[in-house]
């Protein structure tokens, strides 16, 4: 079975919809699954929320670290 990695570019979303959108995609991931989030700033507040909701259940890797685009 071929699976694709969801990529979410939150830059186009209103700020109030960014985190809920990411959590919605996360809810659909299979165990061991992954996704990529693209942002216009370092999404550390998102990381803290994920760590709080899902302690020790994910890995956070930077694919790109600014200054204009962050991808994790």
Protein backbone atom coordinates (compact mmCIF):
# COMPACT_ATOMS: atom_id res chain seq x y z
CA UNK A 1 0.00 0.00 0.00
CA UNK A 2 1.38 3.41 -1.00
CA UNK A 3 1.05 6.15 1.61
CA UNK A 4 1.86 9.79 1.16
CA UNK A 5 3.14 12.21 3.75
CA UNK A 6 0.62 15.01 4.28
CA UNK A 7 2.13 18.47 3.83
CA UNK A 8 0.37 21.40 5.46
CA UNK A 9 1.33 24.94 4.50
CA UNK A 10 -0.20 26.98 7.31
CA UNK A 11 0.99 30.28 5.86
CA UNK A 12 -2.19 30.51 3.78
CA UNK A 13 -4.47 29.87 6.77
CA UNK A 14 -5.81 32.44 9.23
CA UNK A 15 -3.77 32.21 12.45
CA UNK A 16 -6.74 30.90 14.44
CA UNK A 17 -7.05 27.92 12.07
CA UNK A 18 -3.41 26.90 11.91
CA UNK A 19 -3.04 24.71 15.01
CA UNK A 20 -6.50 23.12 14.72
CA UNK A 21 -5.70 22.19 11.12
CA UNK A 22 -2.41 20.57 12.14
CA UNK A 23 -4.09 18.62 14.94
CA UNK A 24 -6.81 17.49 12.55
CA UNK A 25 -4.22 16.04 10.19
CA UNK A 26 -2.33 14.47 13.10
CA UNK A 27 -5.51 12.72 14.22
CA UNK A 28 -5.64 10.92 10.87
CA UNK A 29 -2.06 9.65 10.95
CA UNK A 30 -1.39 5.98 11.39
CA UNK A 31 1.10 4.88 14.07
CA UNK A 32 4.55 5.63 12.73
CA UNK A 33 3.12 8.11 10.24
CA UNK A 34 4.54 11.51 9.48
CA UNK A 35 3.57 14.90 8.16
CA UNK A 36 5.34 18.10 7.15
CA UNK A 37 4.27 21.54 8.36
CA UNK A 38 5.41 24.71 6.57
CA UNK A 39 5.22 28.01 8.44
CA UNK A 40 6.38 31.61 8.16
CA UNK A 41 7.88 31.49 11.67
CA UNK A 42 9.46 28.95 14.00
CA UNK A 43 6.40 26.94 15.17
CA UNK A 44 7.63 26.41 18.74
CA UNK A 45 4.20 27.06 20.28
CA UNK A 46 2.82 24.26 18.09
CA UNK A 47 5.62 21.98 19.27
CA UNK A 48 4.79 22.72 22.92
CA UNK A 49 1.11 21.95 22.30
CA UNK A 50 1.95 18.67 20.61
CA UNK A 51 4.34 17.71 23.43
CA UNK A 52 1.61 18.46 25.98
CA UNK A 53 -1.08 16.48 24.16
CA UNK A 54 1.11 13.60 22.97
CA UNK A 55 4.10 13.30 25.32
CA UNK A 56 6.92 11.14 23.96
CA UNK A 57 4.84 10.10 20.94
CA UNK A 58 6.46 12.12 18.17
CA UNK A 59 9.75 13.33 16.76
CA UNK A 60 10.23 16.96 15.71
CA UNK A 61 12.79 17.46 12.94
CA UNK A 62 13.53 20.73 11.19
CA UNK A 63 13.75 20.34 7.42
CA UNK A 64 14.22 24.08 6.93
CA UNK A 65 14.85 26.78 9.57
CA UNK A 66 14.06 30.23 8.26
CA UNK A 67 14.56 33.03 8.10
CA UNK A 68 11.44 33.20 5.92
CA UNK A 69 10.25 29.58 5.82
CA UNK A 70 10.29 26.86 8.46
CA UNK A 71 9.48 23.25 7.61
CA UNK A 72 9.19 20.59 10.29
